[in-house]
Amino acid sequence: MTARGLQIGFVVYWLAFVLFTVHQGQYPGFFDRGPWSYPYWAVAWVCVLLTFFLSGLYLIVPAARFPYSRRRLGFAVAYAAALLLGCRVLDGTDQPAYFYVPLKFAAVTFVAVVALAVVSIVYKLNRRRSPA
């Protein structure tokens, strides 16, 4: 795993959720609001929110610092858990589909950060075990 690979991974991860948000914008939810049109501004704001969420994670675990220290990994897991809890608290029902994207993003991010922590720890242990 290289720094460049992780950078590309962050961008692909962000892009996947932006495309998912754009797709989810077509589902209006169960509110009777009269004539419906695509919510361009709301979808754009959700995409900006996802950008801020991922930027915060990238500040904690920048690609150039791989393998990560225990402290960085701990902060990353705590950040992902806080995102998940914060998005879950703000979750509602019967909203337009794009409204649920941040919660899905937070859940997948939490799982991904835990997986990244495991990979980083295994990588460090492997480096210590093999002679240089």
N, C-alpha and C. Protein backbone atom coordinates (compact mmCIF):
# COMPACT_ATOMS: atom_id res chain seq x y z
N MET A 1 0.86 -1.17 0.00
CA MET A 1 0.00 0.00 0.00
C MET A 1 0.90 1.23 0.00
N THR A 2 0.72 2.09 -0.98
CA THR A 2 1.55 3.27 -1.09
C THR A 2 0.75 4.51 -0.73
N ALA A 3 1.46 5.61 -0.51
CA ALA A 3 0.81 6.88 -0.21
C ALA A 3 -0.06 7.32 -1.38
N ARG A 4 0.45 7.15 -2.59
CA ARG A 4 -0.31 7.54 -3.78
C ARG A 4 -1.58 6.70 -3.91
N GLY A 5 -1.48 5.42 -3.60
CA GLY A 5 -2.65 4.55 -3.64
C GLY A 5 -3.70 4.97 -2.63
N LEU A 6 -3.27 5.38 -1.45
CA LEU A 6 -4.22 5.86 -0.43
C LEU A 6 -4.87 7.17 -0.86
N GLN A 7 -4.09 8.07 -1.47
CA GLN A 7 -4.66 9.33 -1.95
C GLN A 7 -5.73 9.07 -3.00
N ILE A 8 -5.43 8.18 -3.92
CA ILE A 8 -6.41 7.83 -4.95
C ILE A 8 -7.62 7.17 -4.30
N GLY A 9 -7.38 6.35 -3.29
CA GLY A 9 -8.48 5.70 -2.57
C GLY A 9 -9.40 6.72 -1.91
N PHE A 10 -8.85 7.76 -1.29
CA PHE A 10 -9.67 8.81 -0.69
C PHE A 10 -10.54 9.49 -1.74
N VAL A 11 -9.96 9.80 -2.89
CA VAL A 11 -10.70 10.49 -3.96
C VAL A 11 -11.80 9.58 -4.53
N VAL A 12 -11.48 8.32 -4.76
CA VAL A 12 -12.47 7.38 -5.29
C VAL A 12 -13.60 7.18 -4.28
N TYR A 13 -13.25 7.10 -3.01
CA TYR A 13 -14.25 6.95 -1.95
C TYR A 13 -15.19 8.15 -1.94
N TRP A 14 -14.63 9.35 -2.00
CA TRP A 14 -15.44 10.57 -2.02
C TRP A 14 -16.32 10.61 -3.26
N LEU A 15 -15.73 10.31 -4.41
CA LEU A 15 -16.46 10.35 -5.66
C LEU A 15 -17.62 9.35 -5.68
N ALA A 16 -17.40 8.18 -5.11
CA ALA A 16 -18.47 7.18 -5.05
C ALA A 16 -19.66 7.71 -4.25
N PHE A 17 -19.41 8.37 -3.14
CA PHE A 17 -20.51 8.89 -2.34
C PHE A 17 -21.14 10.12 -2.96
N VAL A 18 -20.38 10.92 -3.70
CA VAL A 18 -20.98 12.04 -4.42
C VAL A 18 -21.93 11.52 -5.49
N LEU A 19 -21.50 10.52 -6.24
CA LEU A 19 -22.37 9.94 -7.26
C LEU A 19 -23.60 9.28 -6.64
N PHE A 20 -23.41 8.65 -5.50
CA PHE A 20 -24.54 8.05 -4.79
C PHE A 20 -25.52 9.13 -4.35
N THR A 21 -25.01 10.26 -3.87
CA THR A 21 -25.87 11.38 -3.45
C THR A 21 -26.66 11.92 -4.63
N VAL A 22 -25.98 12.11 -5.76
CA VAL A 22 -26.66 12.60 -6.96
C VAL A 22 -27.77 11.63 -7.37
N HIS A 23 -27.48 10.35 -7.28
CA HIS A 23 -28.49 9.34 -7.61
C HIS A 23 -29.66 9.40 -6.63
N GLN A 24 -29.38 9.52 -5.36
CA GLN A 24 -30.42 9.53 -4.34
C GLN A 24 -31.29 10.79 -4.42
N GLY A 25 -30.80 11.82 -5.04
CA GLY A 25 -31.58 13.05 -5.17
C GLY A 25 -32.87 12.87 -5.95
N GLN A 26 -32.99 11.82 -6.71
CA GLN A 26 -34.20 11.63 -7.51
C GLN A 26 -35.37 11.04 -6.72
N TYR A 27 -35.14 10.65 -5.49
CA TYR A 27 -36.20 10.07 -4.67
C TYR A 27 -36.69 11.09 -3.65
N PRO A 28 -37.93 11.57 -3.80
CA PRO A 28 -38.40 12.70 -2.98
C PRO A 28 -38.84 12.38 -1.57
N GLY A 29 -38.96 11.15 -1.19
CA GLY A 29 -39.46 10.82 0.15
C GLY A 29 -40.97 10.76 0.14
N PHE A 30 -41.57 10.74 1.32
CA PHE A 30 -43.02 10.54 1.41
C PHE A 30 -43.79 11.79 1.78
N PHE A 31 -43.19 12.96 1.71
CA PHE A 31 -43.91 14.18 1.98
C PHE A 31 -44.67 14.62 0.73
N ASP A 32 -45.90 15.08 0.92
CA ASP A 32 -46.68 15.59 -0.21
C ASP A 32 -46.40 17.09 -0.33
N ARG A 33 -45.49 17.42 -1.21
CA ARG A 33 -45.09 18.82 -1.36
C ARG A 33 -45.65 19.44 -2.64
N GLY A 34 -46.48 18.74 -3.32
CA GLY A 34 -46.98 19.25 -4.59
C GLY A 34 -46.03 18.86 -5.71
N PRO A 35 -45.91 19.71 -6.72
CA PRO A 35 -45.01 19.37 -7.84
C PRO A 35 -43.56 19.22 -7.35
N TRP A 36 -42.92 18.18 -7.85
CA TRP A 36 -41.56 17.88 -7.39
C TRP A 36 -40.57 18.20 -8.49
N SER A 37 -39.43 18.77 -8.09
CA SER A 37 -38.32 18.97 -9.02
C SER A 37 -37.05 18.50 -8.32
N TYR A 38 -36.04 18.20 -9.12
CA TYR A 38 -34.79 17.67 -8.56
C TYR A 38 -34.16 18.70 -7.62
N PRO A 39 -33.76 18.31 -6.41
CA PRO A 39 -33.23 19.25 -5.40
C PRO A 39 -31.73 19.52 -5.59
N TYR A 40 -31.37 20.26 -6.61
CA TYR A 40 -29.96 20.50 -6.93
C TYR A 40 -29.19 21.10 -5.75
N TRP A 41 -29.75 22.12 -5.11
CA TRP A 41 -29.03 22.78 -4.01
C TRP A 41 -28.85 21.86 -2.81
N ALA A 42 -29.88 21.13 -2.48
CA ALA A 42 -29.78 20.23 -1.32
C ALA A 42 -28.75 19.13 -1.58
N VAL A 43 -28.75 18.58 -2.78
CA VAL A 43 -27.78 17.55 -3.13
C VAL A 43 -26.37 18.14 -3.10
N ALA A 44 -26.22 19.37 -3.61
CA ALA A 44 -24.90 20.03 -3.58
C ALA A 44 -24.43 20.23 -2.14
N TRP A 45 -25.32 20.60 -1.24
CA TRP A 45 -24.94 20.80 0.16
C TRP A 45 -24.54 19.49 0.82
N VAL A 46 -25.22 18.43 0.49
CA VAL A 46 -24.84 17.12 1.04
C VAL A 46 -23.44 16.74 0.53
N CYS A 47 -23.16 17.01 -0.73
CA CYS A 47 -21.83 16.72 -1.28
C CYS A 47 -20.75 17.55 -0.59
N VAL A 48 -21.05 18.81 -0.31
CA VAL A 48 -20.10 19.66 0.43
C VAL A 48 -19.89 19.12 1.84
N LEU A 49 -20.97 18.69 2.48
CA LEU A 49 -20.86 18.10 3.82
C LEU A 49 -19.98 16.86 3.81
N LEU A 50 -20.16 16.00 2.81
CA LEU A 50 -19.31 14.82 2.69
C LEU A 50 -17.85 15.21 2.48
N THR A 51 -17.63 16.27 1.73
CA THR A 51 -16.26 16.75 1.51
C THR A 51 -15.62 17.19 2.83
N PHE A 52 -16.37 17.90 3.65
CA PHE A 52 -15.84 18.31 4.96
C PHE A 52 -15.58 17.09 5.86
N PHE A 53 -16.49 16.14 5.85
CA PHE A 53 -16.29 14.93 6.66
C PHE A 53 -15.01 14.21 6.25
N LEU A 54 -14.82 14.02 4.96
CA LEU A 54 -13.65 13.29 4.50
C LEU A 54 -12.38 14.11 4.67
N SER A 55 -12.47 15.43 4.55
CA SER A 55 -11.30 16.28 4.78
C SER A 55 -10.83 16.17 6.23
N GLY A 56 -11.77 16.12 7.15
CA GLY A 56 -11.41 15.93 8.56
C GLY A 56 -10.69 14.62 8.78
N LEU A 57 -11.17 13.58 8.14
CA LEU A 57 -10.50 12.28 8.26
C LEU A 57 -9.11 12.32 7.63
N TYR A 58 -8.98 13.00 6.49
CA TYR A 58 -7.68 13.07 5.82
C TYR A 58 -6.67 13.88 6.64
N LEU A 59 -7.15 14.86 7.40
CA LEU A 59 -6.24 15.59 8.28
C LEU A 59 -5.71 14.70 9.40
N ILE A 60 -6.52 13.77 9.85
CA ILE A 60 -6.10 12.86 10.92
C ILE A 60 -5.18 11.77 10.38
N VAL A 61 -5.55 11.18 9.24
CA VAL A 61 -4.75 10.09 8.67
C VAL A 61 -4.35 10.42 7.23
N PRO A 62 -3.39 11.33 7.05
CA PRO A 62 -2.95 11.65 5.69
C PRO A 62 -2.25 10.45 5.05
N ALA A 63 -2.38 10.35 3.75
CA ALA A 63 -1.84 9.20 3.03
C ALA A 63 -0.32 9.10 3.18
N ALA A 64 0.36 10.22 3.25
CA ALA A 64 1.82 10.22 3.31
C ALA A 64 2.35 9.64 4.63
N ARG A 65 1.52 9.54 5.64
CA ARG A 65 1.97 9.04 6.95
C ARG A 65 1.76 7.55 7.17
N PHE A 66 1.33 6.83 6.15
CA PHE A 66 1.09 5.39 6.31
C PHE A 66 2.41 4.66 6.52
N PRO A 67 2.56 3.71 7.38
CA PRO A 67 1.59 3.18 8.33
C PRO A 67 1.38 4.14 9.50
N TYR A 68 0.20 4.19 10.01
CA TYR A 68 -0.18 5.19 11.00
C TYR A 68 0.21 4.79 12.42
N SER A 69 0.45 5.80 13.23
CA SER A 69 0.73 5.56 14.64
C SER A 69 -0.56 5.17 15.35
N ARG A 70 -0.40 4.60 16.52
CA ARG A 70 -1.57 4.21 17.31
C ARG A 70 -2.43 5.43 17.65
N ARG A 71 -1.76 6.54 17.90
CA ARG A 71 -2.48 7.76 18.26
C ARG A 71 -3.36 8.24 17.09
N ARG A 72 -2.79 8.26 15.90
CA ARG A 72 -3.57 8.68 14.72
C ARG A 72 -4.72 7.72 14.46
N LEU A 73 -4.46 6.44 14.60
CA LEU A 73 -5.53 5.46 14.39
C LEU A 73 -6.63 5.61 15.43
N GLY A 74 -6.25 5.87 16.67
CA GLY A 74 -7.25 6.09 17.73
C GLY A 74 -8.10 7.31 17.44
N PHE A 75 -7.44 8.40 17.02
CA PHE A 75 -8.20 9.61 16.67
C PHE A 75 -9.12 9.36 15.47
N ALA A 76 -8.64 8.59 14.50
CA ALA A 76 -9.45 8.31 13.31
C ALA A 76 -10.68 7.48 13.68
N VAL A 77 -10.51 6.48 14.52
CA VAL A 77 -11.65 5.66 14.94
C VAL A 77 -12.62 6.51 15.77
N ALA A 78 -12.10 7.35 16.64
CA ALA A 78 -12.97 8.23 17.44
C ALA A 78 -13.73 9.21 16.55
N TYR A 79 -13.04 9.77 15.56
CA TYR A 79 -13.67 10.70 14.61
C TYR A 79 -14.78 10.00 13.84
N ALA A 80 -14.50 8.80 13.34
CA ALA A 80 -15.51 8.05 12.59
C ALA A 80 -16.70 7.68 13.48
N ALA A 81 -16.43 7.32 14.73
CA ALA A 81 -17.52 7.00 15.65
C ALA A 81 -18.35 8.24 15.96
N ALA A 82 -17.69 9.39 16.12
CA ALA A 82 -18.42 10.65 16.36
C ALA A 82 -19.28 11.02 15.15
N LEU A 83 -18.73 10.82 13.95
CA LEU A 83 -19.52 11.06 12.74
C LEU A 83 -20.76 10.16 12.71
N LEU A 84 -20.54 8.91 13.01
CA LEU A 84 -21.64 7.95 12.99
C LEU A 84 -22.70 8.32 14.02
N LEU A 85 -22.28 8.65 15.21
CA LEU A 85 -23.23 9.03 16.26
C LEU A 85 -23.95 10.33 15.90
N GLY A 86 -23.19 11.33 15.42
CA GLY A 86 -23.80 12.60 15.05
C GLY A 86 -24.80 12.47 13.92
N CYS A 87 -24.46 11.71 12.92
CA CYS A 87 -25.39 11.52 11.80
C CYS A 87 -26.60 10.69 12.22
N ARG A 88 -26.39 9.76 13.13
CA ARG A 88 -27.52 8.93 13.59
C ARG A 88 -28.50 9.76 14.41
N VAL A 89 -27.99 10.66 15.23
CA VAL A 89 -28.85 11.51 16.04
C VAL A 89 -29.70 12.43 15.15
N LEU A 90 -29.12 12.91 14.05
CA LEU A 90 -29.84 13.81 13.16
C LEU A 90 -30.69 13.09 12.13
N ASP A 91 -30.70 11.78 12.17
CA ASP A 91 -31.45 10.99 11.20
C ASP A 91 -32.95 11.16 11.44
N GLY A 92 -33.69 11.18 10.37
CA GLY A 92 -35.15 11.29 10.46
C GLY A 92 -35.79 10.21 9.62
N THR A 93 -37.10 10.28 9.48
CA THR A 93 -37.79 9.32 8.63
C THR A 93 -38.59 10.06 7.58
N ASP A 94 -38.90 9.37 6.52
CA ASP A 94 -39.72 9.88 5.42
C ASP A 94 -39.12 11.12 4.76
N GLN A 95 -37.81 11.25 4.82
CA GLN A 95 -37.13 12.38 4.18
C GLN A 95 -36.75 11.99 2.76
N PRO A 96 -36.37 12.98 1.95
CA PRO A 96 -35.82 12.63 0.63
C PRO A 96 -34.60 11.73 0.80
N ALA A 97 -34.33 10.91 -0.19
CA ALA A 97 -33.28 9.88 -0.07
C ALA A 97 -31.90 10.47 0.16
N TYR A 98 -31.59 11.65 -0.40
CA TYR A 98 -30.26 12.23 -0.20
C TYR A 98 -30.00 12.59 1.25
N PHE A 99 -31.08 12.74 2.03
CA PHE A 99 -30.96 13.09 3.45
C PHE A 99 -30.25 11.99 4.24
N TYR A 100 -30.32 10.76 3.77
CA TYR A 100 -29.74 9.62 4.48
C TYR A 100 -28.30 9.32 4.08
N VAL A 101 -27.80 9.99 3.06
CA VAL A 101 -26.45 9.71 2.57
C VAL A 101 -25.38 9.96 3.64
N PRO A 102 -25.41 11.08 4.40
CA PRO A 102 -24.36 11.26 5.42
C PRO A 102 -24.30 10.14 6.45
N LEU A 103 -25.46 9.59 6.83
CA LEU A 103 -25.45 8.47 7.78
C LEU A 103 -24.81 7.24 7.15
N LYS A 104 -25.14 6.96 5.90
CA LYS A 104 -24.53 5.83 5.22
C LYS A 104 -23.03 6.05 5.05
N PHE A 105 -22.67 7.28 4.72
CA PHE A 105 -21.25 7.63 4.60
C PHE A 105 -20.53 7.40 5.93
N ALA A 106 -21.13 7.84 7.02
CA ALA A 106 -20.51 7.69 8.34
C ALA A 106 -20.37 6.21 8.71
N ALA A 107 -21.37 5.41 8.40
CA ALA A 107 -21.31 3.98 8.73
C ALA A 107 -20.22 3.28 7.93
N VAL A 108 -20.16 3.55 6.64
CA VAL A 108 -19.13 2.93 5.80
C VAL A 108 -17.75 3.45 6.20
N THR A 109 -17.66 4.72 6.54
CA THR A 109 -16.38 5.30 6.97
C THR A 109 -15.89 4.65 8.25
N PHE A 110 -16.79 4.41 9.19
CA PHE A 110 -16.40 3.75 10.43
C PHE A 110 -15.82 2.37 10.16
N VAL A 111 -16.50 1.60 9.33
CA VAL A 111 -16.01 0.25 8.99
C VAL A 111 -14.67 0.36 8.26
N ALA A 112 -14.55 1.32 7.34
CA ALA A 112 -13.32 1.49 6.58
C ALA A 112 -12.16 1.92 7.47
N VAL A 113 -12.41 2.78 8.44
CA VAL A 113 -11.34 3.23 9.34
C VAL A 113 -10.88 2.09 10.23
N VAL A 114 -11.81 1.28 10.71
CA VAL A 114 -11.41 0.12 11.51
C VAL A 114 -10.58 -0.84 10.65
N ALA A 115 -11.00 -1.05 9.40
CA ALA A 115 -10.22 -1.91 8.50
C ALA A 115 -8.85 -1.30 8.22
N LEU A 116 -8.78 0.00 8.03
CA LEU A 116 -7.50 0.67 7.81
C LEU A 116 -6.60 0.53 9.03
N ALA A 117 -7.18 0.60 10.22
CA ALA A 117 -6.40 0.41 11.44
C ALA A 117 -5.81 -1.00 11.50
N VAL A 118 -6.62 -1.99 11.15
CA VAL A 118 -6.13 -3.37 11.15
C VAL A 118 -5.02 -3.54 10.13
N VAL A 119 -5.21 -3.00 8.92
CA VAL A 119 -4.18 -3.11 7.88
C VAL A 119 -2.90 -2.42 8.32
N SER A 120 -3.03 -1.25 8.92
CA SER A 120 -1.85 -0.51 9.37
C SER A 120 -1.09 -1.27 10.45
N ILE A 121 -1.80 -1.86 11.38
CA ILE A 121 -1.16 -2.63 12.46
C ILE A 121 -0.48 -3.87 11.90
N VAL A 122 -1.16 -4.58 11.00
CA VAL A 122 -0.56 -5.78 10.39
C VAL A 122 0.68 -5.39 9.59
N TYR A 123 0.61 -4.29 8.87
CA TYR A 123 1.75 -3.80 8.08
C TYR A 123 2.95 -3.51 8.98
N LYS A 124 2.69 -2.84 10.10
CA LYS A 124 3.78 -2.54 11.04
C LYS A 124 4.37 -3.81 11.64
N LEU A 125 3.52 -4.73 12.03
CA LEU A 125 4.01 -5.99 12.60
C LEU A 125 4.82 -6.78 11.57
N ASN A 126 4.38 -6.76 10.36
CA ASN A 126 5.09 -7.46 9.30
C ASN A 126 6.45 -6.83 9.03
N ARG A 127 6.53 -5.51 9.08
CA ARG A 127 7.82 -4.83 8.87
C ARG A 127 8.81 -5.14 9.98
N ARG A 128 8.30 -5.25 11.21
CA ARG A 128 9.18 -5.56 12.34
C ARG A 128 9.69 -6.99 12.25
N ARG A 129 8.85 -7.88 11.80
CA ARG A 129 9.20 -9.29 11.77
C ARG A 129 10.21 -9.60 10.67
N SER A 130 10.06 -8.99 9.50
CA SER A 130 10.98 -9.30 8.38
C SER A 130 12.22 -8.43 8.46
N PRO A 131 13.39 -9.02 8.20
CA PRO A 131 14.62 -8.24 8.23
C PRO A 131 14.69 -7.28 7.05
N ALA A 132 15.26 -6.10 7.28
CA ALA A 132 15.31 -5.07 6.24
C ALA A 132 16.42 -5.27 5.29
